[in-house]
Amino acid sequence: MIGPVYVITDPDAPLSVMDQARAAARGGASAVQLRDKTATDADMVAMARALMAALRPRGVKLIVNDRLEVALAAGADGLHIGQGDGDPAEIRTRLGPDRLLGVSIEAAGQCAAIPPGVDYIGAGPVRATATKPDHAPPIGFDGLAEIVARSPVPTIAIGGLGPGDAPALRRAGAAGIAVVSAVVRAPDPEAATRALVDEWRTT
């Protein structure tokens, strides 16, 4: 499992992607997702390989966002796809059995289409978030609980989340929290990650 704290990189944040990932790992994140909508595949593969070298010694998993070929070429620990990024069953076949596969879920009705081979879902956005301006309507904590109840696999909550949200997320049944700005744009990303991890463990 990749919870409870899952940090997603942002190429536009003040720190470099490598520094974001290292800080998250030092702070206790269990997974880091490499997300960059504009970089070339070649640049993504190079970055993913560098991140793997930094994260693996700490036992932190590297998940690549959207790009199957990058995940395969870099030997990443997994891939996360959105609703429009291909057939999860076919992608699972390409990934093989040993890598993680996550799928974004924006509404409870989408849970019925989660095929065998998906390891976790990213549910949200729980709240509106500026990190992804084209996001679906926020689902709130009640919507999150409904998705958790219908999902056959663990649910990682995402979207406008940060410190103080662990109690509500746990009540909704989430297995973890995924964040972008709450860590990578924090004054001290390592401390911000550690605070989220501690909050989850003590809630």
N, C-alpha and C. Protein backbone atom coordinates (compact mmCIF):
# COMPACT_ATOMS: atom_id res chain seq x y z
N MET A 1 0.84 -1.20 0.00
CA MET A 1 0.00 0.00 0.00
C MET A 1 0.88 1.25 0.00
N ILE A 2 0.33 2.34 -0.56
CA ILE A 2 1.16 3.54 -0.72
C ILE A 2 0.83 4.64 0.28
N GLY A 3 -0.18 4.46 1.13
CA GLY A 3 -0.52 5.48 2.11
C GLY A 3 0.43 5.42 3.30
N PRO A 4 0.28 6.34 4.24
CA PRO A 4 -0.84 7.29 4.30
C PRO A 4 -0.56 8.65 3.68
N VAL A 5 0.69 9.02 3.46
CA VAL A 5 0.97 10.36 2.91
C VAL A 5 1.69 10.21 1.57
N TYR A 6 1.06 10.75 0.56
CA TYR A 6 1.44 10.58 -0.84
C TYR A 6 1.65 11.98 -1.39
N VAL A 7 2.88 12.32 -1.77
CA VAL A 7 3.21 13.68 -2.20
C VAL A 7 3.39 13.70 -3.72
N ILE A 8 2.75 14.68 -4.35
CA ILE A 8 2.80 14.83 -5.81
C ILE A 8 3.65 16.04 -6.15
N THR A 9 4.60 15.85 -7.03
CA THR A 9 5.51 16.93 -7.37
C THR A 9 4.85 17.97 -8.27
N ASP A 10 5.42 19.17 -8.25
CA ASP A 10 4.92 20.28 -9.05
C ASP A 10 6.13 20.98 -9.66
N PRO A 11 6.28 20.91 -11.00
CA PRO A 11 7.47 21.51 -11.62
C PRO A 11 7.52 23.02 -11.50
N ASP A 12 6.39 23.64 -11.13
CA ASP A 12 6.35 25.11 -11.00
C ASP A 12 6.54 25.58 -9.56
N ALA A 13 6.74 24.65 -8.63
CA ALA A 13 6.94 25.03 -7.23
C ALA A 13 8.33 25.63 -7.04
N PRO A 14 8.55 26.34 -5.94
CA PRO A 14 9.85 27.00 -5.73
C PRO A 14 11.04 26.04 -5.73
N LEU A 15 10.91 24.89 -5.12
CA LEU A 15 12.01 23.92 -5.10
C LEU A 15 12.01 23.08 -6.36
N SER A 16 13.17 22.55 -6.73
CA SER A 16 13.24 21.62 -7.85
C SER A 16 12.45 20.36 -7.52
N VAL A 17 12.06 19.63 -8.55
CA VAL A 17 11.33 18.37 -8.34
C VAL A 17 12.15 17.41 -7.49
N MET A 18 13.44 17.34 -7.74
CA MET A 18 14.30 16.47 -6.94
C MET A 18 14.29 16.89 -5.47
N ASP A 19 14.40 18.19 -5.19
CA ASP A 19 14.39 18.66 -3.82
C ASP A 19 13.03 18.44 -3.16
N GLN A 20 11.95 18.59 -3.93
CA GLN A 20 10.61 18.29 -3.40
C GLN A 20 10.53 16.83 -2.95
N ALA A 21 11.00 15.94 -3.82
CA ALA A 21 10.91 14.51 -3.54
C ALA A 21 11.78 14.13 -2.34
N ARG A 22 12.98 14.68 -2.30
CA ARG A 22 13.87 14.36 -1.18
C ARG A 22 13.29 14.84 0.14
N ALA A 23 12.73 16.04 0.14
CA ALA A 23 12.13 16.58 1.36
C ALA A 23 10.95 15.72 1.81
N ALA A 24 10.12 15.31 0.86
CA ALA A 24 8.98 14.46 1.18
C ALA A 24 9.45 13.13 1.77
N ALA A 25 10.49 12.58 1.18
CA ALA A 25 11.02 11.30 1.67
C ALA A 25 11.58 11.45 3.08
N ARG A 26 12.33 12.51 3.31
CA ARG A 26 12.89 12.74 4.65
C ARG A 26 11.78 12.93 5.68
N GLY A 27 10.67 13.53 5.24
CA GLY A 27 9.56 13.78 6.14
C GLY A 27 8.68 12.58 6.41
N GLY A 28 8.93 11.48 5.70
CA GLY A 28 8.18 10.26 5.97
C GLY A 28 7.10 9.91 4.98
N ALA A 29 7.05 10.58 3.83
CA ALA A 29 6.07 10.19 2.80
C ALA A 29 6.31 8.75 2.39
N SER A 30 5.24 8.04 2.10
CA SER A 30 5.39 6.65 1.67
C SER A 30 5.49 6.53 0.15
N ALA A 31 5.04 7.58 -0.56
CA ALA A 31 5.11 7.56 -2.02
C ALA A 31 5.24 8.99 -2.54
N VAL A 32 5.91 9.12 -3.68
CA VAL A 32 6.02 10.39 -4.39
C VAL A 32 5.58 10.14 -5.82
N GLN A 33 4.71 11.01 -6.31
CA GLN A 33 4.27 10.91 -7.70
C GLN A 33 4.95 11.99 -8.53
N LEU A 34 5.56 11.56 -9.62
CA LEU A 34 6.17 12.48 -10.58
C LEU A 34 5.11 12.90 -11.59
N ARG A 35 4.73 14.18 -11.53
CA ARG A 35 3.69 14.69 -12.44
C ARG A 35 4.22 15.93 -13.14
N ASP A 36 4.22 15.88 -14.45
CA ASP A 36 4.64 17.03 -15.26
C ASP A 36 3.95 16.89 -16.60
N LYS A 37 3.03 17.80 -16.88
CA LYS A 37 2.21 17.69 -18.09
C LYS A 37 2.93 18.17 -19.35
N THR A 38 4.06 18.87 -19.20
CA THR A 38 4.70 19.48 -20.37
C THR A 38 6.07 18.91 -20.71
N ALA A 39 6.73 18.23 -19.78
CA ALA A 39 8.07 17.69 -20.05
C ALA A 39 8.01 16.60 -21.11
N THR A 40 9.10 16.44 -21.84
CA THR A 40 9.18 15.36 -22.81
C THR A 40 9.29 14.01 -22.10
N ASP A 41 8.97 12.96 -22.82
CA ASP A 41 9.12 11.63 -22.24
C ASP A 41 10.57 11.37 -21.83
N ALA A 42 11.50 11.81 -22.68
CA ALA A 42 12.92 11.57 -22.38
C ALA A 42 13.33 12.27 -21.09
N ASP A 43 12.88 13.51 -20.92
CA ASP A 43 13.20 14.24 -19.69
C ASP A 43 12.54 13.58 -18.48
N MET A 44 11.32 13.09 -18.68
CA MET A 44 10.61 12.43 -17.58
C MET A 44 11.31 11.13 -17.17
N VAL A 45 11.78 10.38 -18.15
CA VAL A 45 12.50 9.14 -17.83
C VAL A 45 13.76 9.45 -17.04
N ALA A 46 14.50 10.46 -17.49
CA ALA A 46 15.73 10.82 -16.78
C ALA A 46 15.43 11.26 -15.35
N MET A 47 14.39 12.08 -15.18
CA MET A 47 14.02 12.53 -13.84
C MET A 47 13.54 11.36 -12.99
N ALA A 48 12.73 10.49 -13.57
CA ALA A 48 12.22 9.34 -12.82
C ALA A 48 13.36 8.44 -12.34
N ARG A 49 14.34 8.22 -13.18
CA ARG A 49 15.48 7.39 -12.78
C ARG A 49 16.26 8.04 -11.65
N ALA A 50 16.44 9.36 -11.74
CA ALA A 50 17.15 10.06 -10.67
C ALA A 50 16.36 10.02 -9.37
N LEU A 51 15.05 10.17 -9.47
CA LEU A 51 14.21 10.11 -8.29
C LEU A 51 14.23 8.72 -7.66
N MET A 52 14.21 7.69 -8.51
CA MET A 52 14.26 6.32 -7.98
C MET A 52 15.52 6.11 -7.16
N ALA A 53 16.64 6.62 -7.66
CA ALA A 53 17.91 6.45 -6.95
C ALA A 53 17.88 7.16 -5.59
N ALA A 54 17.17 8.28 -5.53
CA ALA A 54 17.09 9.04 -4.27
C ALA A 54 16.07 8.44 -3.30
N LEU A 55 14.99 7.89 -3.83
CA LEU A 55 13.88 7.46 -2.98
C LEU A 55 13.99 6.01 -2.50
N ARG A 56 14.52 5.15 -3.34
CA ARG A 56 14.53 3.73 -2.99
C ARG A 56 15.28 3.42 -1.70
N PRO A 57 16.42 4.07 -1.44
CA PRO A 57 17.11 3.77 -0.18
C PRO A 57 16.26 4.07 1.05
N ARG A 58 15.28 4.96 0.91
CA ARG A 58 14.40 5.30 2.03
C ARG A 58 13.11 4.50 2.02
N GLY A 59 12.97 3.60 1.05
CA GLY A 59 11.76 2.79 0.98
C GLY A 59 10.54 3.53 0.47
N VAL A 60 10.77 4.65 -0.22
CA VAL A 60 9.67 5.46 -0.73
C VAL A 60 9.40 5.07 -2.18
N LYS A 61 8.14 4.84 -2.50
CA LYS A 61 7.78 4.40 -3.85
C LYS A 61 7.65 5.60 -4.79
N LEU A 62 8.09 5.42 -6.03
CA LEU A 62 7.92 6.44 -7.06
C LEU A 62 6.82 6.01 -8.02
N ILE A 63 5.82 6.86 -8.14
CA ILE A 63 4.70 6.64 -9.05
C ILE A 63 4.78 7.69 -10.15
N VAL A 64 4.64 7.27 -11.39
CA VAL A 64 4.63 8.19 -12.53
C VAL A 64 3.19 8.51 -12.90
N ASN A 65 2.90 9.78 -13.13
CA ASN A 65 1.56 10.20 -13.51
C ASN A 65 1.36 10.08 -15.01
N ASP A 66 0.33 9.36 -15.40
CA ASP A 66 -0.18 9.29 -16.78
C ASP A 66 0.66 8.50 -17.78
N ARG A 67 1.97 8.61 -17.72
CA ARG A 67 2.79 8.16 -18.85
C ARG A 67 3.33 6.74 -18.65
N LEU A 68 2.64 5.80 -19.25
CA LEU A 68 2.99 4.39 -19.13
C LEU A 68 4.40 4.12 -19.63
N GLU A 69 4.75 4.67 -20.78
CA GLU A 69 6.06 4.38 -21.37
C GLU A 69 7.19 4.89 -20.46
N VAL A 70 6.95 6.02 -19.82
CA VAL A 70 7.96 6.56 -18.89
C VAL A 70 8.11 5.63 -17.69
N ALA A 71 7.00 5.19 -17.14
CA ALA A 71 7.06 4.30 -15.98
C ALA A 71 7.81 3.02 -16.30
N LEU A 72 7.55 2.48 -17.49
CA LEU A 72 8.23 1.24 -17.89
C LEU A 72 9.71 1.48 -18.13
N ALA A 73 10.04 2.55 -18.86
CA ALA A 73 11.43 2.81 -19.21
C ALA A 73 12.28 3.11 -17.97
N ALA A 74 11.66 3.78 -17.00
CA ALA A 74 12.41 4.18 -15.80
C ALA A 74 12.43 3.10 -14.73
N GLY A 75 11.60 2.07 -14.89
CA GLY A 75 11.52 1.06 -13.85
C GLY A 75 10.87 1.58 -12.59
N ALA A 76 9.91 2.51 -12.74
CA ALA A 76 9.24 3.11 -11.59
C ALA A 76 8.42 2.06 -10.84
N ASP A 77 8.03 2.41 -9.62
CA ASP A 77 7.27 1.49 -8.79
C ASP A 77 5.81 1.40 -9.19
N GLY A 78 5.35 2.38 -9.96
CA GLY A 78 3.94 2.34 -10.34
C GLY A 78 3.56 3.47 -11.28
N LEU A 79 2.27 3.46 -11.65
CA LEU A 79 1.70 4.42 -12.57
C LEU A 79 0.34 4.85 -12.03
N HIS A 80 0.04 6.14 -12.18
CA HIS A 80 -1.29 6.63 -11.83
C HIS A 80 -1.92 7.23 -13.08
N ILE A 81 -3.16 6.83 -13.36
CA ILE A 81 -3.84 7.32 -14.56
C ILE A 81 -5.16 7.97 -14.20
N GLY A 82 -5.58 8.90 -15.06
CA GLY A 82 -6.88 9.54 -14.92
C GLY A 82 -7.95 8.79 -15.70
N GLN A 83 -9.14 9.33 -15.69
CA GLN A 83 -10.26 8.67 -16.36
C GLN A 83 -10.08 8.60 -17.88
N GLY A 84 -9.31 9.53 -18.44
CA GLY A 84 -9.16 9.54 -19.89
C GLY A 84 -7.82 9.06 -20.38
N ASP A 85 -7.10 8.32 -19.55
CA ASP A 85 -5.72 7.95 -19.88
C ASP A 85 -5.54 6.50 -20.32
N GLY A 86 -6.62 5.89 -20.77
CA GLY A 86 -6.51 4.53 -21.28
C GLY A 86 -7.24 3.51 -20.42
N ASP A 87 -7.30 2.29 -20.92
CA ASP A 87 -8.01 1.20 -20.25
C ASP A 87 -7.14 0.60 -19.14
N PRO A 88 -7.59 0.68 -17.88
CA PRO A 88 -6.76 0.17 -16.79
C PRO A 88 -6.38 -1.30 -16.93
N ALA A 89 -7.28 -2.10 -17.48
CA ALA A 89 -6.99 -3.53 -17.63
C ALA A 89 -5.85 -3.74 -18.62
N GLU A 90 -5.88 -3.01 -19.73
CA GLU A 90 -4.80 -3.12 -20.72
C GLU A 90 -3.49 -2.59 -20.15
N ILE A 91 -3.58 -1.49 -19.41
CA ILE A 91 -2.38 -0.90 -18.82
C ILE A 91 -1.78 -1.85 -17.80
N ARG A 92 -2.62 -2.51 -17.01
CA ARG A 92 -2.11 -3.49 -16.06
C ARG A 92 -1.33 -4.59 -16.77
N THR A 93 -1.82 -5.02 -17.91
CA THR A 93 -1.11 -6.06 -18.67
C THR A 93 0.27 -5.56 -19.09
N ARG A 94 0.33 -4.32 -19.54
CA ARG A 94 1.62 -3.75 -19.95
C ARG A 94 2.54 -3.55 -18.75
N LEU A 95 2.00 -3.11 -17.63
CA LEU A 95 2.81 -2.84 -16.44
C LEU A 95 3.39 -4.11 -15.84
N GLY A 96 2.67 -5.21 -15.99
CA GLY A 96 3.07 -6.43 -15.32
C GLY A 96 2.51 -6.47 -13.90
N PRO A 97 2.71 -7.57 -13.20
CA PRO A 97 2.06 -7.76 -11.90
C PRO A 97 2.72 -7.06 -10.72
N ASP A 98 3.95 -6.59 -10.89
CA ASP A 98 4.74 -6.15 -9.74
C ASP A 98 4.72 -4.65 -9.49
N ARG A 99 4.15 -3.87 -10.42
CA ARG A 99 4.08 -2.43 -10.22
C ARG A 99 2.69 -2.02 -9.77
N LEU A 100 2.63 -0.92 -9.03
CA LEU A 100 1.35 -0.41 -8.57
C LEU A 100 0.61 0.31 -9.69
N LEU A 101 -0.70 0.21 -9.68
CA LEU A 101 -1.54 0.94 -10.63
C LEU A 101 -2.64 1.65 -9.86
N GLY A 102 -2.67 2.98 -10.01
CA GLY A 102 -3.71 3.79 -9.39
C GLY A 102 -4.56 4.46 -10.44
N VAL A 103 -5.82 4.69 -10.11
CA VAL A 103 -6.78 5.31 -11.03
C VAL A 103 -7.51 6.43 -10.32
N SER A 104 -7.68 7.56 -10.99
CA SER A 104 -8.44 8.68 -10.42
C SER A 104 -9.94 8.41 -10.53
N ILE A 105 -10.64 8.67 -9.44
CA ILE A 105 -12.09 8.52 -9.40
C ILE A 105 -12.68 9.85 -8.95
N GLU A 106 -13.63 10.36 -9.74
CA GLU A 106 -14.20 11.68 -9.47
C GLU A 106 -15.64 11.61 -8.96
N ALA A 107 -16.25 10.43 -9.06
CA ALA A 107 -17.64 10.25 -8.62
C ALA A 107 -17.85 8.79 -8.27
N ALA A 108 -18.76 8.54 -7.33
CA ALA A 108 -18.96 7.18 -6.84
C ALA A 108 -19.36 6.22 -7.96
N GLY A 109 -20.10 6.72 -8.94
CA GLY A 109 -20.54 5.85 -10.03
C GLY A 109 -19.41 5.25 -10.83
N GLN A 110 -18.25 5.89 -10.81
CA GLN A 110 -17.10 5.37 -11.56
C GLN A 110 -16.50 4.13 -10.90
N CYS A 111 -16.82 3.89 -9.65
CA CYS A 111 -16.23 2.75 -8.94
C CYS A 111 -16.63 1.42 -9.56
N ALA A 112 -17.80 1.38 -10.16
CA ALA A 112 -18.28 0.13 -10.75
C ALA A 112 -17.39 -0.33 -11.90
N ALA A 113 -16.64 0.60 -12.50
CA ALA A 113 -15.80 0.27 -13.65
C ALA A 113 -14.35 0.01 -13.28
N ILE A 114 -14.04 -0.04 -11.98
CA ILE A 114 -12.66 -0.33 -11.57
C ILE A 114 -12.39 -1.81 -11.79
N PRO A 115 -11.46 -2.15 -12.71
CA PRO A 115 -11.24 -3.57 -13.01
C PRO A 115 -10.26 -4.21 -12.04
N PRO A 116 -10.23 -5.54 -12.00
CA PRO A 116 -9.19 -6.21 -11.24
C PRO A 116 -7.81 -5.75 -11.74
N GLY A 117 -6.87 -5.65 -10.83
CA GLY A 117 -5.53 -5.21 -11.22
C GLY A 117 -5.23 -3.80 -10.82
N VAL A 118 -6.26 -3.01 -10.47
CA VAL A 118 -6.03 -1.67 -9.93
C VAL A 118 -5.74 -1.83 -8.44
N ASP A 119 -4.68 -1.18 -7.96
CA ASP A 119 -4.25 -1.34 -6.58
C ASP A 119 -4.85 -0.33 -5.61
N TYR A 120 -5.12 0.88 -6.11
CA TYR A 120 -5.70 1.92 -5.27
C TYR A 120 -6.37 2.94 -6.17
N ILE A 121 -7.22 3.76 -5.58
CA ILE A 121 -7.80 4.87 -6.33
C ILE A 121 -7.42 6.19 -5.65
N GLY A 122 -7.33 7.23 -6.46
CA GLY A 122 -7.20 8.59 -5.96
C GLY A 122 -8.55 9.26 -6.10
N ALA A 123 -9.22 9.57 -5.00
CA ALA A 123 -10.59 10.09 -5.04
C ALA A 123 -10.60 11.57 -4.76
N GLY A 124 -11.28 12.30 -5.65
CA GLY A 124 -11.37 13.73 -5.43
C GLY A 124 -11.70 14.48 -6.72
N PRO A 125 -11.61 15.80 -6.67
CA PRO A 125 -11.08 16.57 -5.54
C PRO A 125 -12.06 16.67 -4.38
N VAL A 126 -11.54 16.51 -3.17
CA VAL A 126 -12.38 16.68 -1.99
C VAL A 126 -12.79 18.14 -1.87
N ARG A 127 -11.83 19.03 -2.08
CA ARG A 127 -12.10 20.46 -2.14
C ARG A 127 -11.58 21.00 -3.47
N ALA A 128 -12.01 22.21 -3.83
CA ALA A 128 -11.45 22.88 -5.00
C ALA A 128 -9.97 23.13 -4.77
N THR A 129 -9.19 23.03 -5.84
CA THR A 129 -7.75 23.23 -5.71
C THR A 129 -7.22 23.98 -6.92
N ALA A 130 -6.34 24.93 -6.65
CA ALA A 130 -5.74 25.70 -7.74
C ALA A 130 -4.66 24.91 -8.47
N THR A 131 -4.22 23.80 -7.88
CA THR A 131 -3.16 23.02 -8.51
C THR A 131 -3.62 22.42 -9.83
N LYS A 132 -4.91 22.12 -9.91
CA LYS A 132 -5.47 21.51 -11.13
C LYS A 132 -6.74 22.26 -11.50
N PRO A 133 -6.61 23.37 -12.25
CA PRO A 133 -7.76 24.23 -12.51
C PRO A 133 -8.91 23.54 -13.25
N ASP A 134 -8.61 22.49 -14.02
CA ASP A 134 -9.66 21.82 -14.80
C ASP A 134 -10.28 20.63 -14.06
N HIS A 135 -10.17 20.63 -12.72
CA HIS A 135 -10.65 19.47 -11.97
C HIS A 135 -12.17 19.35 -12.02
N ALA A 136 -12.64 18.15 -11.69
CA ALA A 136 -14.07 17.90 -11.59
C ALA A 136 -14.65 18.63 -10.37
N PRO A 137 -15.98 18.71 -10.26
CA PRO A 137 -16.57 19.37 -9.10
C PRO A 137 -16.13 18.71 -7.79
N PRO A 138 -15.85 19.50 -6.76
CA PRO A 138 -15.44 18.91 -5.48
C PRO A 138 -16.49 17.95 -4.93
N ILE A 139 -16.02 16.86 -4.33
CA ILE A 139 -16.93 15.83 -3.83
C ILE A 139 -17.22 15.99 -2.34
N GLY A 140 -16.38 16.75 -1.61
CA GLY A 140 -16.57 16.89 -0.18
C GLY A 140 -16.28 15.60 0.56
N PHE A 141 -16.36 15.66 1.87
CA PHE A 141 -16.06 14.48 2.67
C PHE A 141 -17.17 13.43 2.58
N ASP A 142 -18.42 13.88 2.38
CA ASP A 142 -19.51 12.92 2.21
C ASP A 142 -19.35 12.16 0.90
N GLY A 143 -18.99 12.88 -0.15
CA GLY A 143 -18.76 12.22 -1.43
C GLY A 143 -17.59 11.26 -1.36
N LEU A 144 -16.56 11.65 -0.61
CA LEU A 144 -15.42 10.76 -0.42
C LEU A 144 -15.85 9.48 0.28
N ALA A 145 -16.66 9.61 1.33
CA ALA A 145 -17.13 8.43 2.07
C ALA A 145 -17.93 7.50 1.16
N GLU A 146 -18.72 8.07 0.26
CA GLU A 146 -19.50 7.25 -0.66
C GLU A 146 -18.58 6.48 -1.61
N ILE A 147 -17.55 7.15 -2.10
CA ILE A 147 -16.59 6.48 -2.98
C ILE A 147 -15.86 5.37 -2.24
N VAL A 148 -15.41 5.65 -1.02
CA VAL A 148 -14.73 4.64 -0.21
C VAL A 148 -15.62 3.40 -0.06
N ALA A 149 -16.91 3.64 0.21
CA ALA A 149 -17.84 2.52 0.43
C ALA A 149 -18.01 1.67 -0.82
N ARG A 150 -17.87 2.28 -1.97
CA ARG A 150 -18.10 1.54 -3.22
C ARG A 150 -16.83 0.98 -3.84
N SER A 151 -15.69 1.50 -3.44
CA SER A 151 -14.44 1.09 -4.09
C SER A 151 -13.99 -0.29 -3.59
N PRO A 152 -13.55 -1.15 -4.52
CA PRO A 152 -13.04 -2.46 -4.12
C PRO A 152 -11.59 -2.42 -3.64
N VAL A 153 -10.95 -1.24 -3.73
CA VAL A 153 -9.54 -1.10 -3.37
C VAL A 153 -9.37 0.12 -2.46
N PRO A 154 -8.22 0.25 -1.78
CA PRO A 154 -8.02 1.40 -0.88
C PRO A 154 -8.12 2.74 -1.62
N THR A 155 -8.57 3.74 -0.87
CA THR A 155 -8.81 5.07 -1.42
C THR A 155 -7.84 6.08 -0.82
N ILE A 156 -7.12 6.78 -1.69
CA ILE A 156 -6.29 7.92 -1.29
C ILE A 156 -7.05 9.19 -1.67
N ALA A 157 -7.30 10.06 -0.69
CA ALA A 157 -8.05 11.28 -0.93
C ALA A 157 -7.13 12.37 -1.45
N ILE A 158 -7.64 13.20 -2.35
CA ILE A 158 -6.84 14.27 -2.95
C ILE A 158 -7.73 15.48 -3.23
N GLY A 159 -7.10 16.64 -3.25
CA GLY A 159 -7.80 17.84 -3.67
C GLY A 159 -8.00 18.85 -2.56
N GLY A 160 -7.11 19.84 -2.47
CA GLY A 160 -7.27 20.91 -1.51
C GLY A 160 -7.09 20.49 -0.06
N LEU A 161 -6.35 19.41 0.16
CA LEU A 161 -6.21 18.85 1.51
C LEU A 161 -4.89 19.29 2.15
N GLY A 162 -4.85 19.21 3.48
CA GLY A 162 -3.63 19.61 4.18
C GLY A 162 -3.76 19.36 5.67
N PRO A 163 -3.00 20.09 6.48
CA PRO A 163 -3.02 19.90 7.93
C PRO A 163 -4.43 20.06 8.49
N GLY A 164 -4.78 19.19 9.44
CA GLY A 164 -6.09 19.25 10.07
C GLY A 164 -7.14 18.39 9.43
N ASP A 165 -6.84 17.82 8.26
CA ASP A 165 -7.84 17.03 7.54
C ASP A 165 -7.84 15.55 7.87
N ALA A 166 -6.82 15.06 8.55
CA ALA A 166 -6.73 13.62 8.80
C ALA A 166 -7.95 13.05 9.54
N PRO A 167 -8.47 13.71 10.58
CA PRO A 167 -9.63 13.13 11.27
C PRO A 167 -10.82 12.91 10.34
N ALA A 168 -11.15 13.91 9.51
CA ALA A 168 -12.29 13.77 8.61
C ALA A 168 -12.03 12.71 7.54
N LEU A 169 -10.79 12.64 7.08
CA LEU A 169 -10.45 11.64 6.06
C LEU A 169 -10.54 10.23 6.65
N ARG A 170 -10.08 10.07 7.86
CA ARG A 170 -10.17 8.76 8.50
C ARG A 170 -11.63 8.36 8.74
N ARG A 171 -12.44 9.33 9.16
CA ARG A 171 -13.87 9.03 9.37
C ARG A 171 -14.53 8.60 8.06
N ALA A 172 -14.08 9.19 6.97
CA ALA A 172 -14.64 8.82 5.66
C ALA A 172 -14.13 7.47 5.17
N GLY A 173 -13.09 6.95 5.83
CA GLY A 173 -12.57 5.63 5.45
C GLY A 173 -11.39 5.66 4.51
N ALA A 174 -10.82 6.84 4.27
CA ALA A 174 -9.68 6.93 3.36
C ALA A 174 -8.47 6.23 3.94
N ALA A 175 -7.66 5.68 3.05
CA ALA A 175 -6.43 4.99 3.47
C ALA A 175 -5.24 5.94 3.50
N GLY A 176 -5.42 7.15 3.01
CA GLY A 176 -4.32 8.09 2.99
C GLY A 176 -4.72 9.40 2.37
N ILE A 177 -3.77 10.33 2.36
CA ILE A 177 -3.95 11.68 1.84
C ILE A 177 -2.89 11.96 0.79
N ALA A 178 -3.31 12.50 -0.35
CA ALA A 178 -2.37 12.93 -1.39
C ALA A 178 -2.38 14.44 -1.45
N VAL A 179 -1.20 15.03 -1.47
CA VAL A 179 -1.10 16.49 -1.45
C VAL A 179 -0.07 16.97 -2.47
N VAL A 180 -0.29 18.18 -2.92
CA VAL A 180 0.69 18.87 -3.76
C VAL A 180 1.16 20.10 -2.96
N SER A 181 0.37 21.17 -3.02
CA SER A 181 0.79 22.45 -2.45
C SER A 181 1.08 22.39 -0.95
N ALA A 182 0.33 21.58 -0.22
CA ALA A 182 0.51 21.53 1.24
C ALA A 182 1.92 21.10 1.63
N VAL A 183 2.62 20.44 0.70
CA VAL A 183 4.01 20.07 0.95
C VAL A 183 4.97 20.86 0.07
N VAL A 184 4.79 20.79 -1.25
CA VAL A 184 5.85 21.31 -2.13
C VAL A 184 5.89 22.83 -2.16
N ARG A 185 4.83 23.50 -1.72
CA ARG A 185 4.85 24.96 -1.64
C ARG A 185 4.90 25.44 -0.19
N ALA A 186 5.09 24.52 0.74
CA ALA A 186 5.24 24.91 2.15
C ALA A 186 6.61 25.53 2.37
N PRO A 187 6.76 26.40 3.38
CA PRO A 187 8.08 26.99 3.66
C PRO A 187 9.14 25.93 3.96
N ASP A 188 8.72 24.83 4.59
CA ASP A 188 9.63 23.73 4.91
C ASP A 188 8.93 22.44 4.51
N PRO A 189 9.12 21.97 3.27
CA PRO A 189 8.40 20.79 2.80
C PRO A 189 8.64 19.53 3.64
N GLU A 190 9.86 19.37 4.14
CA GLU A 190 10.13 18.20 4.97
C GLU A 190 9.29 18.24 6.24
N ALA A 191 9.27 19.38 6.91
CA ALA A 191 8.48 19.52 8.13
C ALA A 191 6.99 19.39 7.84
N ALA A 192 6.55 19.92 6.70
CA ALA A 192 5.13 19.82 6.34
C ALA A 192 4.73 18.36 6.13
N THR A 193 5.61 17.60 5.49
CA THR A 193 5.33 16.17 5.29
C THR A 193 5.28 15.45 6.62
N ARG A 194 6.25 15.72 7.47
CA ARG A 194 6.31 15.05 8.77
C ARG A 194 5.07 15.36 9.60
N ALA A 195 4.59 16.59 9.53
CA ALA A 195 3.39 16.97 10.28
C ALA A 195 2.17 16.18 9.79
N LEU A 196 2.06 16.00 8.49
CA LEU A 196 0.95 15.23 7.94
C LEU A 196 1.04 13.76 8.36
N VAL A 197 2.24 13.22 8.32
CA VAL A 197 2.44 11.82 8.73
C VAL A 197 2.09 11.65 10.20
N ASP A 198 2.58 12.55 11.04
CA ASP A 198 2.31 12.46 12.48
C ASP A 198 0.82 12.60 12.77
N GLU A 199 0.18 13.53 12.08
CA GLU A 199 -1.25 13.75 12.28
C GLU A 199 -2.04 12.49 11.93
N TRP A 200 -1.66 11.86 10.82
CA TRP A 200 -2.38 10.65 10.40
C TRP A 200 -2.19 9.53 11.43
N ARG A 201 -0.97 9.40 11.91
CA ARG A 201 -0.68 8.30 12.84
C ARG A 201 -1.34 8.49 14.20
N THR A 202 -1.57 9.74 14.59
CA THR A 202 -2.10 10.00 15.93
C THR A 202 -3.60 10.28 15.93
N THR A 203 -4.23 10.27 14.76
CA THR A 203 -5.67 10.54 14.68
C THR A 203 -6.46 9.26 14.97
